[in-house]
Amino acid sequence: MSVQTLRVMIVDDEAPARQRLRELLGDIAAQLPTRLVGMAANGIEALRLLDEVGGEVDVVLADISMPAMNGVELARQIAARTSPPAVVFTTAYENYAVEAFDLAATDYLMKPVRADRLATALARARAAIGGGESGAAAPGSEGEPAHFNVTERDRIMLLAVTEVIYLRAELKYVTACTASREYLLTETLVQIEQAHPNRFLRIHRNCLVARNAIVGVRRAGEHKGEVHWEMLLQGVEGALPISRRQWQAVREMLKL
């Protein structure tokens, strides 16, 4: 397998959609070279083609709504194979997004697919295939999910858990804060805390912080007569309040 040139299969029941993806692959060839292995009109044809070419496929671009076998079932069948190719969904429907990422889809592109989004998805797939996925689980976090699913406008992205410095609950949403920007998540803090016990530490009922981003703590509020402790994080200006309820857990963690 060449990490530089991705071997791609296109699966879509509409011939114009297959042709558009083929043309987009040509448009981004200078940026990300690919080789088209074959095209199929549904999941059954795709599986048959995979059997014919053996392990000569790195990425499958799959529509979801197709006759005979849809893209979700195709992804399930692919995932059960030895050394399966990455799957990138290309679809006009948003309502399959959660199920898509449950199947470990590399990306989820909304039609009409744009060249820049396709290039981003294929670059992510190439990184994963080459072992360079930035969101790989860190030591001590084996078995924990490597990404958060982020919905923005007409696309769903994968946010590497390792990029998140802290998470804050506000109203109905949880904000994931990284060194560069903030993202809105649909998971609750409780769900995140349970899924990532080795990575995040609760310091307040509405805040989790990345353990490896902790720089230290400081006393605050003395001049107001409301003494409390605050958390200092690498890459974050200011400090985050530590609740009295969570202070003991923070102290124990700092001792370790």
C-alpha atoms as a PDB file:
ATOM      1  CA  MET A   1       0.000   0.000   0.000  1.00  0.00           C
ATOM      2  CA  SER A   2       1.290   3.428  -0.919  1.00  0.00           C
ATOM      3  CA  VAL A   3       0.630   6.056   1.711  1.00  0.00           C
ATOM      4  CA  GLN A   4       1.134   8.758  -0.918  1.00  0.00           C
ATOM      5  CA  THR A   5      -1.412   7.479  -3.451  1.00  0.00           C
ATOM      6  CA  LEU A   6      -4.782   6.389  -2.081  1.00  0.00           C
ATOM      7  CA  ARG A   7      -6.682   3.617  -3.827  1.00  0.00           C
ATOM      8  CA  VAL A   8     -10.319   4.670  -3.883  1.00  0.00           C
ATOM      9  CA  MET A   9     -13.604   2.914  -4.618  1.00  0.00           C
ATOM     10  CA  ILE A  10     -16.788   4.907  -5.354  1.00  0.00           C
ATOM     11  CA  VAL A  11     -20.170   3.446  -4.394  1.00  0.00           C
ATOM     12  CA  ASP A  12     -23.352   5.323  -5.390  1.00  0.00           C
ATOM     13  CA  ASP A  13     -26.558   4.253  -7.084  1.00  0.00           C
ATOM     14  CA  GLU A  14     -26.680   7.422  -9.232  1.00  0.00           C
ATOM     15  CA  ALA A  15     -24.345   7.563 -12.223  1.00  0.00           C
ATOM     16  CA  PRO A  16     -24.034  11.398 -12.175  1.00  0.00           C
ATOM     17  CA  ALA A  17     -22.971  11.248  -8.501  1.00  0.00           C
ATOM     18  CA  ARG A  18     -20.319   8.628  -9.292  1.00  0.00           C
ATOM     19  CA  GLN A  19     -19.048  10.744 -12.161  1.00  0.00           C
ATOM     20  CA  ARG A  20     -18.900  13.887  -9.995  1.00  0.00           C
ATOM     21  CA  LEU A  21     -16.814  12.130  -7.348  1.00  0.00           C
ATOM     22  CA  ARG A  22     -14.534  10.806 -10.070  1.00  0.00           C
ATOM     23  CA  GLU A  23     -14.066  14.348 -11.417  1.00  0.00           C
ATOM     24  CA  LEU A  24     -13.432  15.721  -7.919  1.00  0.00           C
ATOM     25  CA  LEU A  25     -10.696  13.136  -7.412  1.00  0.00           C
ATOM     26  CA  GLY A  26      -9.089  14.507 -10.549  1.00  0.00           C
ATOM     27  CA  ASP A  27      -9.482  18.083  -9.318  1.00  0.00           C
ATOM     28  CA  ILE A  28      -7.573  17.379  -6.103  1.00  0.00           C
ATOM     29  CA  ALA A  29      -4.978  15.054  -7.667  1.00  0.00           C
ATOM     30  CA  ALA A  30      -2.159  17.574  -7.326  1.00  0.00           C
ATOM     31  CA  GLN A  31      -2.976  18.054  -3.660  1.00  0.00           C
ATOM     32  CA  LEU A  32      -3.785  14.445  -2.852  1.00  0.00           C
ATOM     33  CA  PRO A  33      -3.078  11.798  -5.508  1.00  0.00           C
ATOM     34  CA  THR A  34      -5.516   8.895  -5.810  1.00  0.00           C
ATOM     35  CA  ARG A  35      -6.108   5.890  -8.014  1.00  0.00           C
ATOM     36  CA  LEU A  36      -9.681   4.863  -8.777  1.00  0.00           C
ATOM     37  CA  VAL A  37      -9.949   1.111  -8.226  1.00  0.00           C
ATOM     38  CA  GLY A  38     -13.560   0.796  -9.344  1.00  0.00           C
ATOM     39  CA  MET A  39     -17.152   1.989  -9.003  1.00  0.00           C
ATOM     40  CA  ALA A  40     -20.320   0.222  -7.819  1.00  0.00           C
ATOM     41  CA  ALA A  41     -24.031   1.081  -7.745  1.00  0.00           C
ATOM     42  CA  ASN A  42     -24.872  -0.494  -4.362  1.00  0.00           C
ATOM     43  CA  GLY A  43     -23.414  -2.303  -1.385  1.00  0.00           C
ATOM     44  CA  ILE A  44     -23.683  -5.789  -2.878  1.00  0.00           C
ATOM     45  CA  GLU A  45     -21.758  -4.760  -5.988  1.00  0.00           C
ATOM     46  CA  ALA A  46     -19.195  -3.020  -3.790  1.00  0.00           C
ATOM     47  CA  LEU A  47     -18.552  -6.137  -1.695  1.00  0.00           C
ATOM     48  CA  ARG A  48     -18.200  -8.214  -4.841  1.00  0.00           C
ATOM     49  CA  LEU A  49     -15.707  -5.690  -6.219  1.00  0.00           C
ATOM     50  CA  LEU A  50     -13.763  -5.709  -2.952  1.00  0.00           C
ATOM     51  CA  ASP A  51     -13.477  -9.489  -3.201  1.00  0.00           C
ATOM     52  CA  GLU A  52     -12.201  -9.191  -6.769  1.00  0.00           C
ATOM     53  CA  VAL A  53      -9.480  -6.652  -6.013  1.00  0.00           C
ATOM     54  CA  GLY A  54      -8.502  -8.201  -2.690  1.00  0.00           C
ATOM     55  CA  GLY A  55      -6.768  -5.722  -0.401  1.00  0.00           C
ATOM     56  CA  GLU A  56      -6.203  -3.162  -3.144  1.00  0.00           C
ATOM     57  CA  VAL A  57      -8.587  -0.528  -1.672  1.00  0.00           C
ATOM     58  CA  ASP A  58      -7.658   2.106   0.906  1.00  0.00           C
ATOM     59  CA  VAL A  59     -10.841   4.206   0.983  1.00  0.00           C
ATOM     60  CA  VAL A  60     -14.483   3.569   0.052  1.00  0.00           C
ATOM     61  CA  LEU A  61     -16.588   6.637  -0.808  1.00  0.00           C
ATOM     62  CA  ALA A  62     -20.097   5.351  -0.108  1.00  0.00           C
ATOM     63  CA  ASP A  63     -23.539   6.844  -0.536  1.00  0.00           C
ATOM     64  CA  ILE A  64     -26.009   5.841   2.185  1.00  0.00           C
ATOM     65  CA  SER A  65     -29.405   5.630   0.475  1.00  0.00           C
ATOM     66  CA  MET A  66     -28.997   2.850  -2.095  1.00  0.00           C
ATOM     67  CA  PRO A  67     -31.086  -0.147  -3.206  1.00  0.00           C
ATOM     68  CA  ALA A  68     -30.180  -3.778  -2.472  1.00  0.00           C
ATOM     69  CA  MET A  69     -27.738  -2.832   0.297  1.00  0.00           C
ATOM     70  CA  ASN A  70     -27.395   0.703   1.667  1.00  0.00           C
ATOM     71  CA  GLY A  71     -24.191   2.398   2.742  1.00  0.00           C
ATOM     72  CA  VAL A  72     -24.647   1.784   6.462  1.00  0.00           C
ATOM     73  CA  GLU A  73     -24.952  -1.970   5.989  1.00  0.00           C
ATOM     74  CA  LEU A  74     -22.042  -1.866   3.558  1.00  0.00           C
ATOM     75  CA  ALA A  75     -19.919  -0.165   6.216  1.00  0.00           C
ATOM     76  CA  ARG A  76     -20.864  -2.889   8.722  1.00  0.00           C
ATOM     77  CA  GLN A  77     -19.828  -5.587   6.262  1.00  0.00           C
ATOM     78  CA  ILE A  78     -16.553  -3.809   5.512  1.00  0.00           C
ATOM     79  CA  ALA A  79     -15.744  -3.316   9.216  1.00  0.00           C
ATOM     80  CA  ALA A  80     -16.016  -7.080   9.770  1.00  0.00           C
ATOM     81  CA  ARG A  81     -13.241  -7.758   7.249  1.00  0.00           C
ATOM     82  CA  THR A  82      -9.562  -8.198   7.979  1.00  0.00           C
ATOM     83  CA  SER A  83      -7.672  -4.913   7.454  1.00  0.00           C
ATOM     84  CA  PRO A  84     -10.767  -3.076   6.189  1.00  0.00           C
ATOM     85  CA  PRO A  85     -10.487   0.079   4.068  1.00  0.00           C
ATOM     86  CA  ALA A  86     -11.586   3.430   5.510  1.00  0.00           C
ATOM     87  CA  VAL A  87     -15.183   4.454   4.780  1.00  0.00           C
ATOM     88  CA  VAL A  88     -16.208   8.019   3.928  1.00  0.00           C
ATOM     89  CA  PHE A  89     -19.955   8.572   3.550  1.00  0.00           C
ATOM     90  CA  THR A  90     -21.179  10.905   0.796  1.00  0.00           C
ATOM     91  CA  THR A  91     -24.873  11.557   1.241  1.00  0.00           C
ATOM     92  CA  ALA A  92     -27.711  14.052   1.034  1.00  0.00           C
ATOM     93  CA  TYR A  93     -29.070  12.990   4.435  1.00  0.00           C
ATOM     94  CA  GLU A  94     -27.905  14.208   7.858  1.00  0.00           C
ATOM     95  CA  ASN A  95     -29.936  11.782   9.967  1.00  0.00           C
ATOM     96  CA  TYR A  96     -27.442   8.914   9.566  1.00  0.00           C
ATOM     97  CA  ALA A  97     -24.496  10.848  11.012  1.00  0.00           C
ATOM     98  CA  VAL A  98     -24.491   9.360  14.504  1.00  0.00           C
ATOM     99  CA  GLU A  99     -24.855   5.827  13.180  1.00  0.00           C
ATOM    100  CA  ALA A 100     -22.100   6.518  10.666  1.00  0.00           C
ATOM    101  CA  PHE A 101     -19.588   7.458  13.331  1.00  0.00           C
ATOM    102  CA  ASP A 102     -20.695   4.549  15.503  1.00  0.00           C
ATOM    103  CA  LEU A 103     -19.406   2.462  12.613  1.00  0.00           C
ATOM    104  CA  ALA A 104     -16.088   4.370  12.799  1.00  0.00           C
ATOM    105  CA  ALA A 105     -16.598   6.154   9.494  1.00  0.00           C
ATOM    106  CA  THR A 106     -13.648   8.392   8.710  1.00  0.00           C
ATOM    107  CA  ASP A 107     -15.866  11.281   7.584  1.00  0.00           C
ATOM    108  CA  TYR A 108     -19.404  12.217   6.569  1.00  0.00           C
ATOM    109  CA  LEU A 109     -19.718  14.507   3.541  1.00  0.00           C
ATOM    110  CA  MET A 110     -22.960  16.209   2.574  1.00  0.00           C
ATOM    111  CA  LYS A 111     -23.907  16.402  -1.109  1.00  0.00           C
ATOM    112  CA  PRO A 112     -23.083  18.259  -3.239  1.00  0.00           C
ATOM    113  CA  VAL A 113     -19.586  17.271  -2.141  1.00  0.00           C
ATOM    114  CA  ARG A 114     -17.002  20.053  -2.384  1.00  0.00           C
ATOM    115  CA  ALA A 115     -13.454  19.407  -3.532  1.00  0.00           C
ATOM    116  CA  ASP A 116     -11.899  20.889  -0.382  1.00  0.00           C
ATOM    117  CA  ARG A 117     -14.040  18.743   1.924  1.00  0.00           C
ATOM    118  CA  LEU A 118     -13.244  15.623  -0.083  1.00  0.00           C
ATOM    119  CA  ALA A 119      -9.535  16.420   0.121  1.00  0.00           C
ATOM    120  CA  THR A 120      -9.799  16.883   3.895  1.00  0.00           C
ATOM    121  CA  ALA A 121     -11.626  13.577   4.330  1.00  0.00           C
ATOM    122  CA  LEU A 122      -9.133  11.675   2.203  1.00  0.00           C
ATOM    123  CA  ALA A 123      -6.197  13.292   3.991  1.00  0.00           C
ATOM    124  CA  ARG A 124      -7.668  12.129   7.299  1.00  0.00           C
ATOM    125  CA  ALA A 125      -8.061   8.621   5.900  1.00  0.00           C
ATOM    126  CA  ARG A 126      -4.472   8.643   4.633  1.00  0.00           C
ATOM    127  CA  ALA A 127      -3.211   9.745   8.057  1.00  0.00           C
ATOM    128  CA  ALA A 128      -5.133   6.936   9.744  1.00  0.00           C
ATOM    129  CA  ILE A 129      -3.847   4.351   7.273  1.00  0.00           C
ATOM    130  CA  GLY A 130      -0.285   5.589   7.688  1.00  0.00           C
ATOM    131  CA  GLY A 131      -0.492   5.432  11.474  1.00  0.00           C
ATOM    132  CA  GLY A 132      -0.230   9.210  11.736  1.00  0.00           C
ATOM    133  CA  GLU A 133      -3.725   9.922  13.032  1.00  0.00           C
ATOM    134  CA  SER A 134      -3.340  12.817  15.439  1.00  0.00           C
ATOM    135  CA  GLY A 135      -6.315  11.671  17.428  1.00  0.00           C
ATOM    136  CA  ALA A 136      -4.915   8.304  18.364  1.00  0.00           C
ATOM    137  CA  ALA A 137      -5.446   7.349  21.962  1.00  0.00           C
ATOM    138  CA  ALA A 138      -2.713   8.502  24.267  1.00  0.00           C
ATOM    139  CA  PRO A 139      -0.868   6.191  26.641  1.00  0.00           C
ATOM    140  CA  GLY A 140      -3.106   5.319  29.558  1.00  0.00           C
ATOM    141  CA  SER A 141      -6.311   5.915  27.596  1.00  0.00           C
ATOM    142  CA  GLU A 142      -6.586   2.524  25.906  1.00  0.00           C
ATOM    143  CA  GLY A 143     -10.177   1.746  25.003  1.00  0.00           C
ATOM    144  CA  GLU A 144     -11.309   5.367  25.227  1.00  0.00           C
ATOM    145  CA  PRO A 145     -12.837   7.004  22.109  1.00  0.00           C
ATOM    146  CA  ALA A 146     -10.240   8.975  20.144  1.00  0.00           C
ATOM    147  CA  HIS A 147     -12.614  11.615  18.749  1.00  0.00           C
ATOM    148  CA  PHE A 148     -15.633  13.780  19.458  1.00  0.00           C
ATOM    149  CA  ASN A 149     -18.237  14.234  16.714  1.00  0.00           C
ATOM    150  CA  VAL A 150     -18.758  17.920  15.918  1.00  0.00           C
ATOM    151  CA  THR A 151     -21.661  19.187  13.789  1.00  0.00           C
ATOM    152  CA  GLU A 152     -21.088  22.461  11.961  1.00  0.00           C
ATOM    153  CA  ARG A 153     -23.365  23.753   9.206  1.00  0.00           C
ATOM    154  CA  ASP A 154     -23.571  21.041   6.533  1.00  0.00           C
ATOM    155  CA  ARG A 155     -20.823  18.794   7.797  1.00  0.00           C
ATOM    156  CA  ILE A 156     -19.839  16.589  10.705  1.00  0.00           C
ATOM    157  CA  MET A 157     -16.201  16.603  11.733  1.00  0.00           C
ATOM    158  CA  LEU A 158     -13.996  14.521  13.982  1.00  0.00           C
ATOM    159  CA  LEU A 159     -12.312  16.462  16.804  1.00  0.00           C
ATOM    160  CA  ALA A 160      -9.354  14.643  18.313  1.00  0.00           C
ATOM    161  CA  VAL A 161      -9.820  14.200  22.062  1.00  0.00           C
ATOM    162  CA  THR A 162      -6.125  14.986  22.512  1.00  0.00           C
ATOM    163  CA  GLU A 163      -6.707  18.547  21.242  1.00  0.00           C
ATOM    164  CA  VAL A 164      -9.238  19.404  23.956  1.00  0.00           C
ATOM    165  CA  ILE A 165      -7.899  21.369  26.929  1.00  0.00           C
ATOM    166  CA  TYR A 166     -11.151  21.634  28.860  1.00  0.00           C
ATOM    167  CA  LEU A 167     -14.909  21.178  28.478  1.00  0.00           C
ATOM    168  CA  ARG A 168     -17.557  23.472  29.910  1.00  0.00           C
ATOM    169  CA  ALA A 169     -21.321  22.858  30.169  1.00  0.00           C
ATOM    170  CA  GLU A 170     -23.510  25.809  29.260  1.00  0.00           C
ATOM    171  CA  LEU A 171     -27.294  25.526  29.008  1.00  0.00           C
ATOM    172  CA  LYS A 172     -28.039  22.581  26.662  1.00  0.00           C
ATOM    173  CA  TYR A 173     -24.560  22.265  25.173  1.00  0.00           C
ATOM    174  CA  VAL A 174     -21.022  21.336  26.101  1.00  0.00           C
ATOM    175  CA  THR A 175     -18.226  23.514  24.727  1.00  0.00           C
ATOM    176  CA  ALA A 176     -14.919  21.811  23.956  1.00  0.00           C
ATOM    177  CA  CYS A 177     -12.070  24.322  24.161  1.00  0.00           C
ATOM    178  CA  THR A 178      -8.816  23.753  22.253  1.00  0.00           C
ATOM    179  CA  ALA A 179      -5.768  25.956  21.828  1.00  0.00           C
ATOM    180  CA  SER A 180      -7.205  27.492  18.650  1.00  0.00           C
ATOM    181  CA  ARG A 181     -11.004  27.601  19.013  1.00  0.00           C
ATOM    182  CA  GLU A 182     -14.159  26.211  20.630  1.00  0.00           C
ATOM    183  CA  TYR A 183     -16.538  23.480  19.425  1.00  0.00           C
ATOM    184  CA  LEU A 184     -20.096  22.578  20.458  1.00  0.00           C
ATOM    185  CA  LEU A 185     -20.700  18.947  21.415  1.00  0.00           C
ATOM    186  CA  THR A 186     -23.947  17.055  21.936  1.00  0.00           C
ATOM    187  CA  GLU A 187     -22.608  14.751  24.657  1.00  0.00           C
ATOM    188  CA  THR A 188     -23.140  15.635  28.310  1.00  0.00           C
ATOM    189  CA  LEU A 189     -20.256  16.126  30.736  1.00  0.00           C
ATOM    190  CA  VAL A 190     -21.289  12.959  32.529  1.00  0.00           C
ATOM    191  CA  GLN A 191     -21.101  10.948  29.315  1.00  0.00           C
ATOM    192  CA  ILE A 192     -17.698  12.421  28.473  1.00  0.00           C
ATOM    193  CA  GLU A 193     -16.369  11.831  31.984  1.00  0.00           C
ATOM    194  CA  GLN A 194     -17.484   8.195  31.868  1.00  0.00           C
ATOM    195  CA  ALA A 195     -16.043   7.634  28.389  1.00  0.00           C
ATOM    196  CA  HIS A 196     -12.688   9.288  29.181  1.00  0.00           C
ATOM    197  CA  PRO A 197     -11.853   8.605  32.843  1.00  0.00           C
ATOM    198  CA  ASN A 198      -8.099   8.643  32.221  1.00  0.00           C
ATOM    199  CA  ARG A 199      -7.998  11.891  30.263  1.00  0.00           C
ATOM    200  CA  PHE A 200     -10.351  14.360  31.953  1.00  0.00           C
ATOM    201  CA  LEU A 201     -10.712  15.480  35.574  1.00  0.00           C
ATOM    202  CA  ARG A 202     -13.845  17.129  36.939  1.00  0.00           C
ATOM    203  CA  ILE A 203     -13.089  20.383  38.768  1.00  0.00           C
ATOM    204  CA  HIS A 204     -16.624  21.765  38.880  1.00  0.00           C
ATOM    205  CA  ARG A 205     -20.117  20.482  38.194  1.00  0.00           C
ATOM    206  CA  ASN A 206     -19.927  22.252  34.818  1.00  0.00           C
ATOM    207  CA  CYS A 207     -16.270  21.730  33.909  1.00  0.00           C
ATOM    208  CA  LEU A 208     -13.811  18.959  32.991  1.00  0.00           C
ATOM    209  CA  VAL A 209     -10.128  19.615  32.310  1.00  0.00           C
ATOM    210  CA  ALA A 210      -7.508  17.561  30.468  1.00  0.00           C
ATOM    211  CA  ARG A 211      -5.185  16.075  33.077  1.00  0.00           C
ATOM    212  CA  ASN A 212      -2.090  16.560  30.914  1.00  0.00           C
ATOM    213  CA  ALA A 213      -2.880  20.283  30.483  1.00  0.00           C
ATOM    214  CA  ILE A 214      -2.842  21.042  34.220  1.00  0.00           C
ATOM    215  CA  VAL A 215      -0.068  23.456  35.201  1.00  0.00           C
ATOM    216  CA  GLY A 216      -1.082  24.035  38.834  1.00  0.00           C
ATOM    217  CA  VAL A 217      -3.603  25.699  41.141  1.00  0.00           C
ATOM    218  CA  ARG A 218      -3.798  29.058  42.912  1.00  0.00           C
ATOM    219  CA  ARG A 219      -5.759  30.645  45.735  1.00  0.00           C
ATOM    220  CA  ALA A 220      -8.146  33.434  44.758  1.00  0.00           C
ATOM    221  CA  GLY A 221     -10.824  35.686  46.220  1.00  0.00           C
ATOM    222  CA  GLU A 222      -9.006  36.493  49.467  1.00  0.00           C
ATOM    223  CA  HIS A 223      -9.610  40.241  49.160  1.00  0.00           C
ATOM    224  CA  LYS A 224     -13.338  39.592  48.852  1.00  0.00           C
ATOM    225  CA  GLY A 225     -13.447  37.178  51.739  1.00  0.00           C
ATOM    226  CA  GLU A 226     -14.474  34.338  49.396  1.00  0.00           C
ATOM    227  CA  VAL A 227     -11.361  32.215  49.288  1.00  0.00           C
ATOM    228  CA  HIS A 228     -11.379  29.440  46.695  1.00  0.00           C
ATOM    229  CA  TRP A 229      -8.981  27.601  44.422  1.00  0.00           C
ATOM    230  CA  GLU A 230      -8.555  27.960  40.688  1.00  0.00           C
ATOM    231  CA  MET A 231      -7.052  25.657  38.072  1.00  0.00           C
ATOM    232  CA  LEU A 232      -4.226  26.815  35.804  1.00  0.00           C
ATOM    233  CA  LEU A 233      -4.071  25.160  32.390  1.00  0.00           C
ATOM    234  CA  GLN A 234      -1.423  25.231  29.695  1.00  0.00           C
ATOM    235  CA  GLY A 235      -2.517  27.369  26.757  1.00  0.00           C
ATOM    236  CA  VAL A 236      -5.394  29.019  28.658  1.00  0.00           C
ATOM    237  CA  GLU A 237      -5.325  32.623  29.835  1.00  0.00           C
ATOM    238  CA  GLY A 238      -6.671  33.149  33.326  1.00  0.00           C
ATOM    239  CA  ALA A 239      -7.887  30.273  35.482  1.00  0.00           C
ATOM    240  CA  LEU A 240     -10.935  28.066  35.979  1.00  0.00           C
ATOM    241  CA  PRO A 241     -12.716  27.856  39.353  1.00  0.00           C
ATOM    242  CA  ILE A 242     -12.500  24.630  41.348  1.00  0.00           C
ATOM    243  CA  SER A 243     -15.605  23.870  43.383  1.00  0.00           C
ATOM    244  CA  ARG A 244     -15.303  22.948  47.066  1.00  0.00           C
ATOM    245  CA  ARG A 245     -16.889  19.622  46.296  1.00  0.00           C
ATOM    246  CA  GLN A 246     -14.183  18.732  43.742  1.00  0.00           C
ATOM    247  CA  TRP A 247     -11.211  20.235  45.584  1.00  0.00           C
ATOM    248  CA  GLN A 248     -10.326  17.035  47.429  1.00  0.00           C
ATOM    249  CA  ALA A 249     -10.201  15.041  44.195  1.00  0.00           C
ATOM    250  CA  VAL A 250      -7.991  17.722  42.625  1.00  0.00           C
ATOM    251  CA  ARG A 251      -5.638  17.657  45.632  1.00  0.00           C
ATOM    252  CA  GLU A 252      -5.321  13.880  45.427  1.00  0.00           C
ATOM    253  CA  MET A 253      -4.562  14.068  41.713  1.00  0.00           C
ATOM    254  CA  LEU A 254      -1.889  16.749  42.256  1.00  0.00           C
ATOM    255  CA  LYS A 255      -0.236  14.609  44.944  1.00  0.00           C
ATOM    256  CA  LEU A 256       0.089  11.795  42.426  1.00  0.00           C
END
